[in-house]
PDB file of N, CA and C in Angstrom:
ATOM      1  N   MET A   1       8.345 -15.611   6.955  1.00  0.00           N
ATOM      2  CA  MET A   1       6.972 -15.173   6.903  1.00  0.00           C
ATOM      3  C   MET A   1       6.938 -13.736   7.414  1.00  0.00           C
ATOM      4  N   LEU A   2       6.241 -12.889   6.690  1.00  0.00           N
ATOM      5  CA  LEU A   2       6.050 -11.501   7.089  1.00  0.00           C
ATOM      6  C   LEU A   2       4.561 -11.245   7.268  1.00  0.00           C
ATOM      7  N   LEU A   3       4.208 -10.612   8.351  1.00  0.00           N
ATOM      8  CA  LEU A   3       2.820 -10.213   8.585  1.00  0.00           C
ATOM      9  C   LEU A   3       2.822  -8.739   8.936  1.00  0.00           C
ATOM     10  N   SER A   4       2.022  -7.972   8.259  1.00  0.00           N
ATOM     11  CA  SER A   4       1.965  -6.545   8.537  1.00  0.00           C
ATOM     12  C   SER A   4       0.761  -5.940   7.838  1.00  0.00           C
ATOM     13  N   THR A   5       0.502  -4.686   8.151  1.00  0.00           N
ATOM     14  CA  THR A   5      -0.445  -3.906   7.370  1.00  0.00           C
ATOM     15  C   THR A   5       0.384  -2.933   6.542  1.00  0.00           C
ATOM     16  N   PRO A   6      -0.064  -2.620   5.344  1.00  0.00           N
ATOM     17  CA  PRO A   6       0.685  -1.676   4.517  1.00  0.00           C
ATOM     18  C   PRO A   6       0.734  -0.303   5.181  1.00  0.00           C
ATOM     19  N   LYS A   7       1.907   0.225   5.354  1.00  0.00           N
ATOM     20  CA  LYS A   7       2.043   1.570   5.922  1.00  0.00           C
ATOM     21  C   LYS A   7       2.693   2.448   4.865  1.00  0.00           C
ATOM     22  N   GLY A   8       1.968   2.656   3.798  1.00  0.00           N
ATOM     23  CA  GLY A   8       2.472   3.480   2.711  1.00  0.00           C
ATOM     24  C   GLY A   8       3.298   2.681   1.723  1.00  0.00           C
ATOM     25  N   ARG A   9       3.724   3.369   0.703  1.00  0.00           N
ATOM     26  CA  ARG A   9       4.512   2.746  -0.360  1.00  0.00           C
ATOM     27  C   ARG A   9       5.990   2.969  -0.092  1.00  0.00           C
ATOM     28  N   ARG A  10       6.469   2.312   0.978  1.00  0.00           N
ATOM     29  CA  ARG A  10       7.867   2.459   1.341  1.00  0.00           C
ATOM     30  C   ARG A  10       8.277   1.300   2.237  1.00  0.00           C
ATOM     31  N   GLY A  11       9.553   1.105   2.357  1.00  0.00           N
ATOM     32  CA  GLY A  11      10.081   0.156   3.310  1.00  0.00           C
ATOM     33  C   GLY A  11      10.174  -1.281   2.811  1.00  0.00           C
ATOM     34  N   PHE A  12      10.706  -2.111   3.694  1.00  0.00           N
ATOM     35  CA  PHE A  12      10.981  -3.511   3.395  1.00  0.00           C
ATOM     36  C   PHE A  12       9.711  -4.278   3.028  1.00  0.00           C
ATOM     37  N   PHE A  13       8.660  -4.124   3.824  1.00  0.00           N
ATOM     38  CA  PHE A  13       7.424  -4.875   3.579  1.00  0.00           C
ATOM     39  C   PHE A  13       6.834  -4.531   2.209  1.00  0.00           C
ATOM     40  N   TYR A  14       6.821  -3.266   1.865  1.00  0.00           N
ATOM     41  CA  TYR A  14       6.298  -2.842   0.560  1.00  0.00           C
ATOM     42  C   TYR A  14       7.107  -3.451  -0.570  1.00  0.00           C
ATOM     43  N   ARG A  15       8.433  -3.383  -0.468  1.00  0.00           N
ATOM     44  CA  ARG A  15       9.281  -3.947  -1.532  1.00  0.00           C
ATOM     45  C   ARG A  15       9.058  -5.445  -1.687  1.00  0.00           C
ATOM     46  N   GLU A  16       8.995  -6.162  -0.591  1.00  0.00           N
ATOM     47  CA  GLU A  16       8.786  -7.608  -0.665  1.00  0.00           C
ATOM     48  C   GLU A  16       7.416  -7.949  -1.236  1.00  0.00           C
ATOM     49  N   ALA A  17       6.407  -7.191  -0.868  1.00  0.00           N
ATOM     50  CA  ALA A  17       5.049  -7.485  -1.313  1.00  0.00           C
ATOM     51  C   ALA A  17       4.816  -7.110  -2.768  1.00  0.00           C
ATOM     52  N   THR A  18       5.590  -6.166  -3.289  1.00  0.00           N
ATOM     53  CA  THR A  18       5.358  -5.720  -4.667  1.00  0.00           C
ATOM     54  C   THR A  18       6.432  -6.195  -5.633  1.00  0.00           C
ATOM     55  N   GLU A  19       7.686  -6.120  -5.238  1.00  0.00           N
ATOM     56  CA  GLU A  19       8.768  -6.516  -6.142  1.00  0.00           C
ATOM     57  C   GLU A  19       9.056  -8.004  -6.098  1.00  0.00           C
ATOM     58  N   GLY A  20       8.696  -8.663  -4.998  1.00  0.00           N
ATOM     59  CA  GLY A  20       8.949 -10.089  -4.874  1.00  0.00           C
ATOM     60  C   GLY A  20       7.903 -10.945  -5.578  1.00  0.00           C
ATOM     61  N   VAL A  21       6.807 -10.331  -5.987  1.00  0.00           N
ATOM     62  CA  VAL A  21       5.729 -11.066  -6.648  1.00  0.00           C
ATOM     63  C   VAL A  21       6.250 -11.695  -7.931  1.00  0.00           C
ATOM     64  N   GLY A  22       5.989 -12.947  -8.098  1.00  0.00           N
ATOM     65  CA  GLY A  22       6.451 -13.656  -9.283  1.00  0.00           C
ATOM     66  C   GLY A  22       7.687 -14.505  -9.016  1.00  0.00           C
ATOM     67  N   ASP A  23       8.402 -14.219  -7.931  1.00  0.00           N
ATOM     68  CA  ASP A  23       9.550 -15.047  -7.566  1.00  0.00           C
ATOM     69  C   ASP A  23       9.044 -16.405  -7.081  1.00  0.00           C
ATOM     70  N   ALA A  24       9.827 -17.423  -7.320  1.00  0.00           N
ATOM     71  CA  ALA A  24       9.433 -18.767  -6.892  1.00  0.00           C
ATOM     72  C   ALA A  24       9.337 -18.859  -5.369  1.00  0.00           C
ATOM     73  N   ASP A  25      10.116 -18.032  -4.653  1.00  0.00           N
ATOM     74  CA  ASP A  25      10.137 -18.088  -3.191  1.00  0.00           C
ATOM     75  C   ASP A  25       9.127 -17.158  -2.526  1.00  0.00           C
ATOM     76  N   THR A  26       8.375 -16.395  -3.297  1.00  0.00           N
ATOM     77  CA  THR A  26       7.497 -15.386  -2.713  1.00  0.00           C
ATOM     78  C   THR A  26       6.033 -15.683  -3.017  1.00  0.00           C
ATOM     79  N   LEU A  27       5.250 -15.734  -1.969  1.00  0.00           N
ATOM     80  CA  LEU A  27       3.805 -15.872  -2.090  1.00  0.00           C
ATOM     81  C   LEU A  27       3.190 -14.724  -1.297  1.00  0.00           C
ATOM     82  N   VAL A  28       2.392 -13.931  -1.935  1.00  0.00           N
ATOM     83  CA  VAL A  28       1.759 -12.799  -1.272  1.00  0.00           C
ATOM     84  C   VAL A  28       0.272 -13.080  -1.145  1.00  0.00           C
ATOM     85  N   HIS A  29      -0.236 -12.962   0.066  1.00  0.00           N
ATOM     86  CA  HIS A  29      -1.672 -13.119   0.296  1.00  0.00           C
ATOM     87  C   HIS A  29      -2.139 -11.928   1.115  1.00  0.00           C
ATOM     88  N   THR A  30      -3.169 -11.281   0.655  1.00  0.00           N
ATOM     89  CA  THR A  30      -3.761 -10.202   1.427  1.00  0.00           C
ATOM     90  C   THR A  30      -5.037 -10.704   2.068  1.00  0.00           C
ATOM     91  N   GLY A  31      -5.355 -10.139   3.200  1.00  0.00           N
ATOM     92  CA  GLY A  31      -6.563 -10.531   3.913  1.00  0.00           C
ATOM     93  C   GLY A  31      -7.411  -9.316   4.224  1.00  0.00           C
ATOM     94  N   PRO A  32      -8.111  -8.783   3.221  1.00  0.00           N
ATOM     95  CA  PRO A  32      -8.952  -7.616   3.488  1.00  0.00           C
ATOM     96  C   PRO A  32     -10.097  -7.960   4.437  1.00  0.00           C
ATOM     97  N   VAL A  33     -10.643  -6.936   5.047  1.00  0.00           N
ATOM     98  CA  VAL A  33     -11.694  -7.131   6.045  1.00  0.00           C
ATOM     99  C   VAL A  33     -12.896  -7.887   5.474  1.00  0.00           C
ATOM    100  N   SER A  34     -13.084  -7.822   4.184  1.00  0.00           N
ATOM    101  CA  SER A  34     -14.208  -8.538   3.567  1.00  0.00           C
ATOM    102  C   SER A  34     -14.086 -10.054   3.734  1.00  0.00           C
ATOM    103  N   GLU A  35     -12.897 -10.545   4.066  1.00  0.00           N
ATOM    104  CA  GLU A  35     -12.696 -11.984   4.279  1.00  0.00           C
ATOM    105  C   GLU A  35     -12.932 -12.403   5.728  1.00  0.00           C
ATOM    106  N   CYS A  36     -13.247 -11.457   6.600  1.00  0.00           N
ATOM    107  CA  CYS A  36     -13.423 -11.781   8.021  1.00  0.00           C
ATOM    108  C   CYS A  36     -14.802 -11.342   8.495  1.00  0.00           C
ATOM    109  N   SER A  37     -15.658 -12.295   8.763  1.00  0.00           N
ATOM    110  CA  SER A  37     -17.030 -11.978   9.176  1.00  0.00           C
ATOM    111  C   SER A  37     -17.131 -11.640  10.664  1.00  0.00           C
ATOM    112  N   ARG A  38     -16.050 -11.809  11.426  1.00  0.00           N
ATOM    113  CA  ARG A  38     -16.104 -11.551  12.871  1.00  0.00           C
ATOM    114  C   ARG A  38     -16.024 -10.075  13.228  1.00  0.00           C
ATOM    115  N   ILE A  39     -15.625  -9.226  12.288  1.00  0.00           N
ATOM    116  CA  ILE A  39     -15.496  -7.801  12.575  1.00  0.00           C
ATOM    117  C   ILE A  39     -16.829  -7.117  12.265  1.00  0.00           C
ATOM    118  N   SER A  40     -17.357  -6.428  13.259  1.00  0.00           N
ATOM    119  CA  SER A  40     -18.698  -5.839  13.117  1.00  0.00           C
ATOM    120  C   SER A  40     -18.683  -4.612  12.206  1.00  0.00           C
ATOM    121  N   GLU A  41     -19.820  -4.377  11.586  1.00  0.00           N
ATOM    122  CA  GLU A  41     -19.973  -3.206  10.725  1.00  0.00           C
ATOM    123  C   GLU A  41     -19.879  -1.920  11.547  1.00  0.00           C
ATOM    124  N   LYS A  42     -20.320  -1.968  12.787  1.00  0.00           N
ATOM    125  CA  LYS A  42     -20.228  -0.800  13.670  1.00  0.00           C
ATOM    126  C   LYS A  42     -18.765  -0.399  13.889  1.00  0.00           C
ATOM    127  N   TYR A  43     -17.933  -1.375  14.160  1.00  0.00           N
ATOM    128  CA  TYR A  43     -16.503  -1.109  14.345  1.00  0.00           C
ATOM    129  C   TYR A  43     -15.887  -0.580  13.046  1.00  0.00           C
ATOM    130  N   LEU A  44     -16.246  -1.173  11.918  1.00  0.00           N
ATOM    131  CA  LEU A  44     -15.694  -0.724  10.635  1.00  0.00           C
ATOM    132  C   LEU A  44     -16.127   0.700  10.309  1.00  0.00           C
ATOM    133  N   ALA A  45     -17.342   1.062  10.678  1.00  0.00           N
ATOM    134  CA  ALA A  45     -17.813   2.433  10.453  1.00  0.00           C
ATOM    135  C   ALA A  45     -16.958   3.427  11.252  1.00  0.00           C
ATOM    136  N   LYS A  46     -16.606   3.058  12.485  1.00  0.00           N
ATOM    137  CA  LYS A  46     -15.716   3.911  13.288  1.00  0.00           C
ATOM    138  C   LYS A  46     -14.357   4.068  12.616  1.00  0.00           C
ATOM    139  N   GLN A  47     -13.860   2.981  12.085  1.00  0.00           N
ATOM    140  CA  GLN A  47     -12.551   3.025  11.434  1.00  0.00           C
ATOM    141  C   GLN A  47     -12.595   3.830  10.141  1.00  0.00           C
ATOM    142  N   ARG A  48     -13.685   3.719   9.389  1.00  0.00           N
ATOM    143  CA  ARG A  48     -13.840   4.523   8.163  1.00  0.00           C
ATOM    144  C   ARG A  48     -13.844   6.007   8.496  1.00  0.00           C
ATOM    145  N   ALA A  49     -14.404   6.358   9.637  1.00  0.00           N
ATOM    146  CA  ALA A  49     -14.477   7.759  10.054  1.00  0.00           C
ATOM    147  C   ALA A  49     -13.086   8.341  10.330  1.00  0.00           C
ATOM    148  N   ARG A  50     -12.110   7.495  10.560  1.00  0.00           N
ATOM    149  CA  ARG A  50     -10.734   7.966  10.799  1.00  0.00           C
ATOM    150  C   ARG A  50     -10.050   8.414   9.514  1.00  0.00           C
ATOM    151  N   GLY A  51     -10.661   8.152   8.379  1.00  0.00           N
ATOM    152  CA  GLY A  51     -10.106   8.614   7.109  1.00  0.00           C
ATOM    153  C   GLY A  51      -9.940   7.500   6.099  1.00  0.00           C
ATOM    154  N   ASP A  52     -10.038   7.880   4.837  1.00  0.00           N
ATOM    155  CA  ASP A  52      -9.963   6.929   3.737  1.00  0.00           C
ATOM    156  C   ASP A  52      -8.613   6.215   3.672  1.00  0.00           C
ATOM    157  N   VAL A  53      -7.525   6.958   3.815  1.00  0.00           N
ATOM    158  CA  VAL A  53      -6.191   6.349   3.731  1.00  0.00           C
ATOM    159  C   VAL A  53      -6.012   5.327   4.849  1.00  0.00           C
ATOM    160  N   HIS A  54      -6.389   5.701   6.061  1.00  0.00           N
ATOM    161  CA  HIS A  54      -6.284   4.777   7.200  1.00  0.00           C
ATOM    162  C   HIS A  54      -7.076   3.502   6.941  1.00  0.00           C
ATOM    163  N   TYR A  55      -8.328   3.643   6.519  1.00  0.00           N
ATOM    164  CA  TYR A  55      -9.196   2.480   6.318  1.00  0.00           C
ATOM    165  C   TYR A  55      -8.665   1.578   5.207  1.00  0.00           C
ATOM    166  N   ARG A  56      -8.290   2.169   4.084  1.00  0.00           N
ATOM    167  CA  ARG A  56      -7.790   1.363   2.968  1.00  0.00           C
ATOM    168  C   ARG A  56      -6.501   0.640   3.336  1.00  0.00           C
ATOM    169  N   ARG A  57      -5.636   1.308   4.096  1.00  0.00           N
ATOM    170  CA  ARG A  57      -4.364   0.703   4.491  1.00  0.00           C
ATOM    171  C   ARG A  57      -4.577  -0.419   5.496  1.00  0.00           C
ATOM    172  N   GLU A  58      -5.324  -0.146   6.551  1.00  0.00           N
ATOM    173  CA  GLU A  58      -5.450  -1.091   7.659  1.00  0.00           C
ATOM    174  C   GLU A  58      -6.490  -2.190   7.446  1.00  0.00           C
ATOM    175  N   PHE A  59      -7.498  -1.941   6.602  1.00  0.00           N
ATOM    176  CA  PHE A  59      -8.586  -2.906   6.483  1.00  0.00           C
ATOM    177  C   PHE A  59      -8.786  -3.472   5.082  1.00  0.00           C
ATOM    178  N   LEU A  60      -8.237  -2.816   4.077  1.00  0.00           N
ATOM    179  CA  LEU A  60      -8.365  -3.325   2.712  1.00  0.00           C
ATOM    180  C   LEU A  60      -7.024  -3.786   2.140  1.00  0.00           C
ATOM    181  N   CYS A  61      -5.970  -3.701   2.951  1.00  0.00           N
ATOM    182  CA  CYS A  61      -4.630  -4.190   2.575  1.00  0.00           C
ATOM    183  C   CYS A  61      -4.086  -3.493   1.326  1.00  0.00           C
ATOM    184  N   GLU A  62      -4.280  -2.188   1.248  1.00  0.00           N
ATOM    185  CA  GLU A  62      -3.801  -1.443   0.087  1.00  0.00           C
ATOM    186  C   GLU A  62      -2.576  -0.608   0.454  1.00  0.00           C
ATOM    187  N   PHE A  63      -1.618  -0.580  -0.437  1.00  0.00           N
ATOM    188  CA  PHE A  63      -0.478   0.313  -0.284  1.00  0.00           C
ATOM    189  C   PHE A  63      -0.876   1.646  -0.908  1.00  0.00           C
ATOM    190  N   VAL A  64      -1.366   2.561  -0.103  1.00  0.00           N
ATOM    191  CA  VAL A  64      -1.844   3.833  -0.617  1.00  0.00           C
ATOM    192  C   VAL A  64      -0.839   4.943  -0.323  1.00  0.00           C
ATOM    193  N   GLU A  65      -0.813   5.923  -1.206  1.00  0.00           N
ATOM    194  CA  GLU A  65      -0.002   7.113  -0.964  1.00  0.00           C
ATOM    195  C   GLU A  65      -0.631   7.870   0.196  1.00  0.00           C
ATOM    196  N   THR A  66       0.183   8.363   1.087  1.00  0.00           N
ATOM    197  CA  THR A  66      -0.338   9.056   2.257  1.00  0.00           C
ATOM    198  C   THR A  66      -0.535  10.542   2.019  1.00  0.00           C
ATOM    199  N   GLY A  67       0.103  11.082   0.991  1.00  0.00           N
ATOM    200  CA  GLY A  67       0.015  12.510   0.741  1.00  0.00           C
ATOM    201  C   GLY A  67       0.969  13.313   1.602  1.00  0.00           C
ATOM    202  N   ARG A  68       1.817  12.631   2.360  1.00  0.00           N
ATOM    203  CA  ARG A  68       2.742  13.309   3.264  1.00  0.00           C
ATOM    204  C   ARG A  68       4.050  13.720   2.585  1.00  0.00           C
ATOM    205  N   PHE A  69       4.259  13.280   1.365  1.00  0.00           N
ATOM    206  CA  PHE A  69       5.537  13.532   0.712  1.00  0.00           C
ATOM    207  C   PHE A  69       5.369  14.470  -0.471  1.00  0.00           C
ATOM    208  N   LEU A  70       6.411  15.212  -0.768  1.00  0.00           N
ATOM    209  CA  LEU A  70       6.376  16.183  -1.852  1.00  0.00           C
ATOM    210  C   LEU A  70       6.215  15.506  -3.205  1.00  0.00           C
ATOM    211  N   LEU A  71       6.896  14.377  -3.400  1.00  0.00           N
ATOM    212  CA  LEU A  71       6.842  13.651  -4.667  1.00  0.00           C
ATOM    213  C   LEU A  71       6.205  12.289  -4.458  1.00  0.00           C
ATOM    214  N   ASP A  72       5.353  11.889  -5.389  1.00  0.00           N
ATOM    215  CA  ASP A  72       4.757  10.563  -5.277  1.00  0.00           C
ATOM    216  C   ASP A  72       5.702   9.516  -5.867  1.00  0.00           C
ATOM    217  N   GLU A  73       5.356   8.261  -5.675  1.00  0.00           N
ATOM    218  CA  GLU A  73       6.230   7.159  -6.086  1.00  0.00           C
ATOM    219  C   GLU A  73       6.499   7.154  -7.587  1.00  0.00           C
ATOM    220  N   ALA A  74       5.490   7.429  -8.400  1.00  0.00           N
ATOM    221  CA  ALA A  74       5.660   7.412  -9.853  1.00  0.00           C
ATOM    222  C   ALA A  74       6.684   8.453 -10.299  1.00  0.00           C
ATOM    223  N   THR A  75       6.669   9.614  -9.671  1.00  0.00           N
ATOM    224  CA  THR A  75       7.622  10.669 -10.024  1.00  0.00           C
ATOM    225  C   THR A  75       9.044  10.258  -9.657  1.00  0.00           C
ATOM    226  N   VAL A  76       9.211   9.682  -8.487  1.00  0.00           N
ATOM    227  CA  VAL A  76      10.544   9.244  -8.054  1.00  0.00           C
ATOM    228  C   VAL A  76      11.068   8.142  -8.970  1.00  0.00           C
ATOM    229  N   LYS A  77      10.211   7.184  -9.312  1.00  0.00           N
ATOM    230  CA  LYS A  77      10.645   6.110 -10.218  1.00  0.00           C
ATOM    231  C   LYS A  77      11.008   6.668 -11.586  1.00  0.00           C
ATOM    232  N   ALA A  78      10.282   7.684 -12.052  1.00  0.00           N
ATOM    233  CA  ALA A  78      10.599   8.304 -13.343  1.00  0.00           C
ATOM    234  C   ALA A  78      11.962   8.983 -13.291  1.00  0.00           C
ATOM    235  N   MET A  79      12.334   9.493 -12.147  1.00  0.00           N
ATOM    236  CA  MET A  79      13.641  10.126 -11.988  1.00  0.00           C
ATOM    237  C   MET A  79      14.771   9.110 -12.118  1.00  0.00           C
ATOM    238  N   GLU A  80      14.491   7.861 -11.781  1.00  0.00           N
ATOM    239  CA  GLU A  80      15.488   6.813 -11.890  1.00  0.00           C
ATOM    240  C   GLU A  80      15.746   6.434 -13.346  1.00  0.00           C
ATOM    241  N   ASN A  81      14.767   6.647 -14.205  1.00  0.00           N
ATOM    242  CA  ASN A  81      14.872   6.301 -15.619  1.00  0.00           C
ATOM    243  C   ASN A  81      15.454   7.492 -16.380  1.00  0.00           C
ATOM    244  N   LYS A  82      16.678   7.363 -16.819  1.00  0.00           N
ATOM    245  CA  LYS A  82      17.364   8.471 -17.465  1.00  0.00           C
ATOM    246  C   LYS A  82      16.796   8.789 -18.850  1.00  0.00           C
ATOM    247  N   ASP A  83      15.962   7.900 -19.397  1.00  0.00           N
ATOM    248  CA  ASP A  83      15.350   8.142 -20.696  1.00  0.00           C
ATOM    249  C   ASP A  83      14.117   9.040 -20.595  1.00  0.00           C
ATOM    250  N   GLU A  84      13.616   9.262 -19.371  1.00  0.00           N
ATOM    251  CA  GLU A  84      12.438  10.092 -19.178  1.00  0.00           C
ATOM    252  C   GLU A  84      12.806  11.350 -18.419  1.00  0.00           C
ATOM    253  N   ARG A  85      12.011  12.381 -18.627  1.00  0.00           N
ATOM    254  CA  ARG A  85      12.182  13.609 -17.848  1.00  0.00           C
ATOM    255  C   ARG A  85      11.156  13.572 -16.722  1.00  0.00           C
ATOM    256  N   ALA A  86      11.614  13.598 -15.490  1.00  0.00           N
ATOM    257  CA  ALA A  86      10.732  13.459 -14.329  1.00  0.00           C
ATOM    258  C   ALA A  86       9.676  14.549 -14.291  1.00  0.00           C
ATOM    259  N   TRP A  87      10.011  15.763 -14.702  1.00  0.00           N
ATOM    260  CA  TRP A  87       9.036  16.851 -14.610  1.00  0.00           C
ATOM    261  C   TRP A  87       7.844  16.650 -15.535  1.00  0.00           C
ATOM    262  N   ASP A  88       7.938  15.732 -16.492  1.00  0.00           N
ATOM    263  CA  ASP A  88       6.798  15.421 -17.345  1.00  0.00           C
ATOM    264  C   ASP A  88       5.698  14.684 -16.559  1.00  0.00           C
ATOM    265  N   HIS A  89       6.038  14.158 -15.374  1.00  0.00           N
ATOM    266  CA  HIS A  89       5.099  13.381 -14.579  1.00  0.00           C
ATOM    267  C   HIS A  89       4.450  14.214 -13.480  1.00  0.00           C
ATOM    268  N   ILE A  90       4.893  15.453 -13.307  1.00  0.00           N
ATOM    269  CA  ILE A  90       4.370  16.283 -12.214  1.00  0.00           C
ATOM    270  C   ILE A  90       3.145  17.025 -12.688  1.00  0.00           C
TER     271      ILE A  90
END
């Protein structure tokens, strides 16, 4: 069992949550804040003020690009495919 919040599109948790989907041994369940009535709107407003990426990652269970890297995930994956030219994606 793995429990975490998405911290970008990288690492073990991201791979298991995205590439393991469909495997007989893998069940992925997300628990966005909309499923929890105990968290106050006041607290969520404070968290939204910390930034869109933070809020979506920590409270909506989204694997979002952080903008901290020179190349995004789609460009890197295109580089792995020898039939495509990666610069066509930039």
